[in-house]
Amino acid sequence: MHFLYIDPGSGSLLFQALLSGFLTVVVFSKRIISYIKYSFFKKKRDEDEEAETPE
């Protein structure tokens, strides 16, 4: 048996699933990376602001 043929309906469904999965990973990873950067630089910015504030 040969399972090499994919009809247009199944092919478009497969393509859509792969594309949406890939884009989901890209967007979600960007969000996590930006959150991690924000949390690290937030601490640094808070420390810098405290040092610059005259009392």
N, C-alpha and C. Protein backbone atom coordinates (compact mmCIF):
# COMPACT_ATOMS: atom_id res chain seq x y z
N MET A 1 0.84 -1.18 0.00
CA MET A 1 0.00 0.00 0.00
C MET A 1 0.88 1.24 0.00
N HIS A 2 0.40 2.26 -0.70
CA HIS A 2 1.13 3.53 -0.75
C HIS A 2 0.28 4.62 -0.10
N PHE A 3 0.86 5.26 0.86
CA PHE A 3 0.15 6.33 1.56
C PHE A 3 0.75 7.70 1.21
N LEU A 4 1.26 7.84 0.00
CA LEU A 4 1.91 9.08 -0.39
C LEU A 4 0.92 10.13 -0.88
N TYR A 5 -0.27 9.73 -1.24
CA TYR A 5 -1.26 10.68 -1.77
C TYR A 5 -2.00 11.36 -0.62
N ILE A 6 -2.04 12.69 -0.67
CA ILE A 6 -2.84 13.47 0.29
C ILE A 6 -3.81 14.29 -0.54
N ASP A 7 -5.09 14.10 -0.32
CA ASP A 7 -6.08 14.86 -1.08
C ASP A 7 -6.06 16.33 -0.63
N PRO A 8 -6.58 17.24 -1.45
CA PRO A 8 -6.50 18.68 -1.15
C PRO A 8 -7.10 19.07 0.20
N GLY A 9 -8.18 18.46 0.60
CA GLY A 9 -8.79 18.80 1.89
C GLY A 9 -7.89 18.44 3.06
N SER A 10 -7.35 17.23 3.02
CA SER A 10 -6.45 16.79 4.09
C SER A 10 -5.15 17.57 4.06
N GLY A 11 -4.67 17.87 2.86
CA GLY A 11 -3.42 18.63 2.73
C GLY A 11 -3.55 20.03 3.29
N SER A 12 -4.67 20.70 3.00
CA SER A 12 -4.86 22.05 3.52
C SER A 12 -5.06 22.04 5.03
N LEU A 13 -5.73 21.03 5.54
CA LEU A 13 -5.91 20.91 6.99
C LEU A 13 -4.56 20.67 7.67
N LEU A 14 -3.74 19.80 7.10
CA LEU A 14 -2.42 19.53 7.65
C LEU A 14 -1.56 20.79 7.60
N PHE A 15 -1.58 21.50 6.48
CA PHE A 15 -0.80 22.72 6.34
C PHE A 15 -1.25 23.77 7.35
N GLN A 16 -2.54 23.93 7.53
CA GLN A 16 -3.07 24.91 8.48
C GLN A 16 -2.68 24.54 9.92
N ALA A 17 -2.73 23.28 10.26
CA ALA A 17 -2.37 22.85 11.61
C ALA A 17 -0.89 23.08 11.87
N LEU A 18 -0.05 22.74 10.91
CA LEU A 18 1.39 22.96 11.09
C LEU A 18 1.73 24.44 11.18
N LEU A 19 1.13 25.25 10.32
CA LEU A 19 1.41 26.68 10.33
C LEU A 19 0.93 27.33 11.62
N SER A 20 -0.26 27.00 12.07
CA SER A 20 -0.76 27.60 13.30
C SER A 20 0.04 27.14 14.51
N GLY A 21 0.47 25.89 14.52
CA GLY A 21 1.31 25.41 15.61
C GLY A 21 2.64 26.14 15.65
N PHE A 22 3.25 26.34 14.49
CA PHE A 22 4.52 27.05 14.42
C PHE A 22 4.38 28.49 14.88
N LEU A 23 3.34 29.18 14.40
CA LEU A 23 3.14 30.57 14.78
C LEU A 23 2.80 30.71 16.26
N THR A 24 2.09 29.75 16.81
CA THR A 24 1.79 29.78 18.24
C THR A 24 3.07 29.69 19.06
N VAL A 25 3.96 28.80 18.67
CA VAL A 25 5.23 28.66 19.37
C VAL A 25 6.05 29.94 19.27
N VAL A 26 6.09 30.55 18.09
CA VAL A 26 6.86 31.78 17.90
C VAL A 26 6.32 32.90 18.78
N VAL A 27 5.02 33.13 18.74
CA VAL A 27 4.42 34.22 19.51
C VAL A 27 4.55 33.96 21.01
N PHE A 28 4.29 32.75 21.44
CA PHE A 28 4.36 32.43 22.86
C PHE A 28 5.79 32.55 23.38
N SER A 29 6.77 32.10 22.59
CA SER A 29 8.16 32.20 23.05
C SER A 29 8.61 33.65 23.11
N LYS A 30 8.16 34.50 22.18
CA LYS A 30 8.50 35.92 22.25
C LYS A 30 7.92 36.54 23.51
N ARG A 31 6.72 36.15 23.86
CA ARG A 31 6.09 36.71 25.05
C ARG A 31 6.84 36.28 26.31
N ILE A 32 7.24 35.03 26.39
CA ILE A 32 7.97 34.55 27.56
C ILE A 32 9.34 35.23 27.65
N ILE A 33 10.03 35.35 26.52
CA ILE A 33 11.34 35.99 26.52
C ILE A 33 11.22 37.45 26.94
N SER A 34 10.23 38.16 26.44
CA SER A 34 10.07 39.56 26.82
C SER A 34 9.70 39.69 28.30
N TYR A 35 8.92 38.76 28.83
CA TYR A 35 8.58 38.79 30.25
C TYR A 35 9.82 38.56 31.10
N ILE A 36 10.66 37.62 30.70
CA ILE A 36 11.89 37.35 31.45
C ILE A 36 12.81 38.57 31.42
N LYS A 37 12.98 39.17 30.23
CA LYS A 37 13.80 40.38 30.13
C LYS A 37 13.24 41.49 30.99
N TYR A 38 11.94 41.67 30.95
CA TYR A 38 11.30 42.72 31.74
C TYR A 38 11.53 42.50 33.22
N SER A 39 11.40 41.26 33.69
CA SER A 39 11.55 41.01 35.11
C SER A 39 12.98 41.23 35.57
N PHE A 40 13.96 40.91 34.74
CA PHE A 40 15.35 41.16 35.12
C PHE A 40 15.68 42.64 35.08
N PHE A 41 15.28 43.33 34.02
CA PHE A 41 15.62 44.75 33.89
C PHE A 41 14.76 45.62 34.80
N LYS A 42 13.62 45.13 35.22
CA LYS A 42 12.78 45.87 36.14
C LYS A 42 13.50 46.03 37.47
N LYS A 43 14.10 44.97 37.94
CA LYS A 43 14.84 45.04 39.20
C LYS A 43 15.99 46.03 39.09
N LYS A 44 16.69 46.01 37.96
CA LYS A 44 17.80 46.92 37.77
C LYS A 44 17.31 48.36 37.70
N ARG A 45 16.21 48.61 36.99
CA ARG A 45 15.67 49.96 36.88
C ARG A 45 15.19 50.46 38.24
N ASP A 46 14.57 49.59 39.03
CA ASP A 46 14.11 49.99 40.35
C ASP A 46 15.29 50.38 41.24
N GLU A 47 16.37 49.62 41.16
CA GLU A 47 17.56 49.93 41.94
C GLU A 47 18.19 51.24 41.47
N ASP A 48 18.22 51.48 40.15
CA ASP A 48 18.76 52.72 39.62
C ASP A 48 17.92 53.93 40.05
N GLU A 49 16.62 53.77 40.02
CA GLU A 49 15.74 54.88 40.41
C GLU A 49 15.88 55.18 41.90
N GLU A 50 16.04 54.17 42.73
CA GLU A 50 16.23 54.38 44.15
C GLU A 50 17.55 55.09 44.43
N ALA A 51 18.58 54.77 43.66
CA ALA A 51 19.88 55.40 43.85
C ALA A 51 19.87 56.85 43.40
N GLU A 52 19.08 57.19 42.38
CA GLU A 52 19.04 58.54 41.86
C GLU A 52 18.11 59.46 42.67
N THR A 53 17.19 58.90 43.42
CA THR A 53 16.23 59.69 44.16
C THR A 53 16.90 60.34 45.37
N PRO A 54 16.92 61.66 45.41
CA PRO A 54 17.52 62.33 46.60
C PRO A 54 16.56 62.28 47.76
N GLU A 55 17.11 62.09 48.93
CA GLU A 55 16.27 62.01 50.13
C GLU A 55 16.49 63.20 51.00
